[in-house]
Amino acid sequence: MTLWWIGNLLFLGVVVPVVLVLLNNVWKPVAQIGQEADRILAGGVTIAAQLDMLGGLIPTRDAIRKIGAGVGQYGAALDKIL
């Protein structure tokens, strides 16, 4: 029975602190991974917000084509006048 108690004390004095140190060493990188994941998510949300504005590119393209055609007609008219 005495050996049993000595074994329990050794377990509590040696094994448990070693396990706690190892868990602490694992927990630090896990916490950093969580922080980095949050930063990546914030960046993704920012990119998604920027992509929402791409819908305005098609009307802008069409307007630029119309303006380009008008500029061409204006240039042709100037050639006739001059």
Protein backbone atom coordinates (compact mmCIF):
# COMPACT_ATOMS: atom_id res chain seq x y z
CA MET A 1 0.00 0.00 0.00
CA THR A 2 2.91 2.33 0.71
CA LEU A 3 4.25 1.78 -2.80
CA TRP A 4 0.82 2.68 -4.13
CA TRP A 5 0.95 6.06 -2.37
CA ILE A 6 4.51 6.67 -3.51
CA GLY A 7 3.45 5.93 -7.09
CA ASN A 8 0.51 8.33 -6.76
CA LEU A 9 2.78 11.08 -5.42
CA LEU A 10 5.27 10.53 -8.24
CA PHE A 11 2.41 10.65 -10.72
CA LEU A 12 1.12 13.92 -9.28
CA GLY A 13 4.58 15.40 -8.90
CA VAL A 14 6.10 14.40 -12.24
CA VAL A 15 3.57 13.29 -14.84
CA VAL A 16 0.86 15.88 -14.25
CA PRO A 17 3.22 18.93 -14.49
CA VAL A 18 4.84 17.51 -17.63
CA VAL A 19 1.43 17.04 -19.24
CA LEU A 20 0.42 20.58 -18.25
CA VAL A 21 3.61 22.03 -19.76
CA LEU A 22 3.03 20.11 -22.99
CA LEU A 23 -0.59 21.26 -23.16
CA ASN A 24 0.53 24.84 -22.63
CA ASN A 25 3.06 24.50 -25.47
CA VAL A 26 0.32 23.19 -27.76
CA TRP A 27 -2.23 25.81 -26.69
CA LYS A 28 -0.09 28.81 -27.70
CA PRO A 29 0.10 27.91 -31.42
CA VAL A 30 -3.58 26.95 -31.43
CA ALA A 31 -4.48 30.40 -30.11
CA GLN A 32 -2.26 32.03 -32.74
CA ILE A 33 -3.93 29.96 -35.45
CA GLY A 34 -7.29 31.27 -34.25
CA GLN A 35 -6.07 34.86 -34.45
CA GLU A 36 -4.67 34.35 -37.94
CA ALA A 37 -7.92 32.71 -39.04
CA ASP A 38 -9.82 35.76 -37.82
CA ARG A 39 -7.49 38.04 -39.80
CA ILE A 40 -7.95 35.92 -42.93
CA LEU A 41 -11.72 36.06 -42.48
CA ALA A 42 -11.61 39.86 -42.15
CA GLY A 43 -9.57 40.06 -45.36
CA GLY A 44 -12.01 37.79 -47.15
CA VAL A 45 -14.94 39.94 -46.08
CA THR A 46 -13.13 43.02 -47.39
CA ILE A 47 -12.48 41.31 -50.73
CA ALA A 48 -16.11 40.20 -50.96
CA ALA A 49 -17.25 43.77 -50.35
CA GLN A 50 -14.97 44.95 -53.16
CA LEU A 51 -16.34 42.29 -55.51
CA ASP A 52 -19.87 43.56 -54.93
CA MET A 53 -18.90 46.75 -56.74
CA LEU A 54 -17.96 44.83 -59.91
CA GLY A 55 -21.60 44.87 -60.97
CA GLY A 56 -21.15 48.50 -61.98
CA LEU A 57 -18.48 47.65 -64.54
CA ILE A 58 -20.87 46.50 -67.26
CA PRO A 59 -22.91 49.74 -67.37
CA THR A 60 -19.65 51.69 -67.22
CA ARG A 61 -18.26 49.70 -70.17
CA ASP A 62 -21.40 50.37 -72.20
CA ALA A 63 -21.28 54.08 -71.38
CA ILE A 64 -17.63 54.29 -72.43
CA ARG A 65 -18.46 52.62 -75.75
CA LYS A 66 -21.24 55.16 -76.38
CA ILE A 67 -18.95 58.04 -75.44
CA GLY A 68 -16.23 56.65 -77.71
CA ALA A 69 -18.68 56.46 -80.60
CA GLY A 70 -19.76 60.04 -79.91
CA VAL A 71 -16.16 61.23 -79.83
CA GLY A 72 -15.58 59.51 -83.17
CA GLN A 73 -18.59 61.23 -84.70
CA TYR A 74 -17.43 64.55 -83.26
CA GLY A 75 -14.00 64.07 -84.77
CA ALA A 76 -15.53 63.22 -88.17
CA ALA A 77 -17.67 66.36 -87.98
CA LEU A 78 -14.61 68.47 -87.17
CA ASP A 79 -12.80 67.00 -90.17
CA LYS A 80 -15.68 68.11 -92.43
CA ILE A 81 -15.70 71.60 -90.95
CA LEU A 82 -11.95 72.13 -91.09
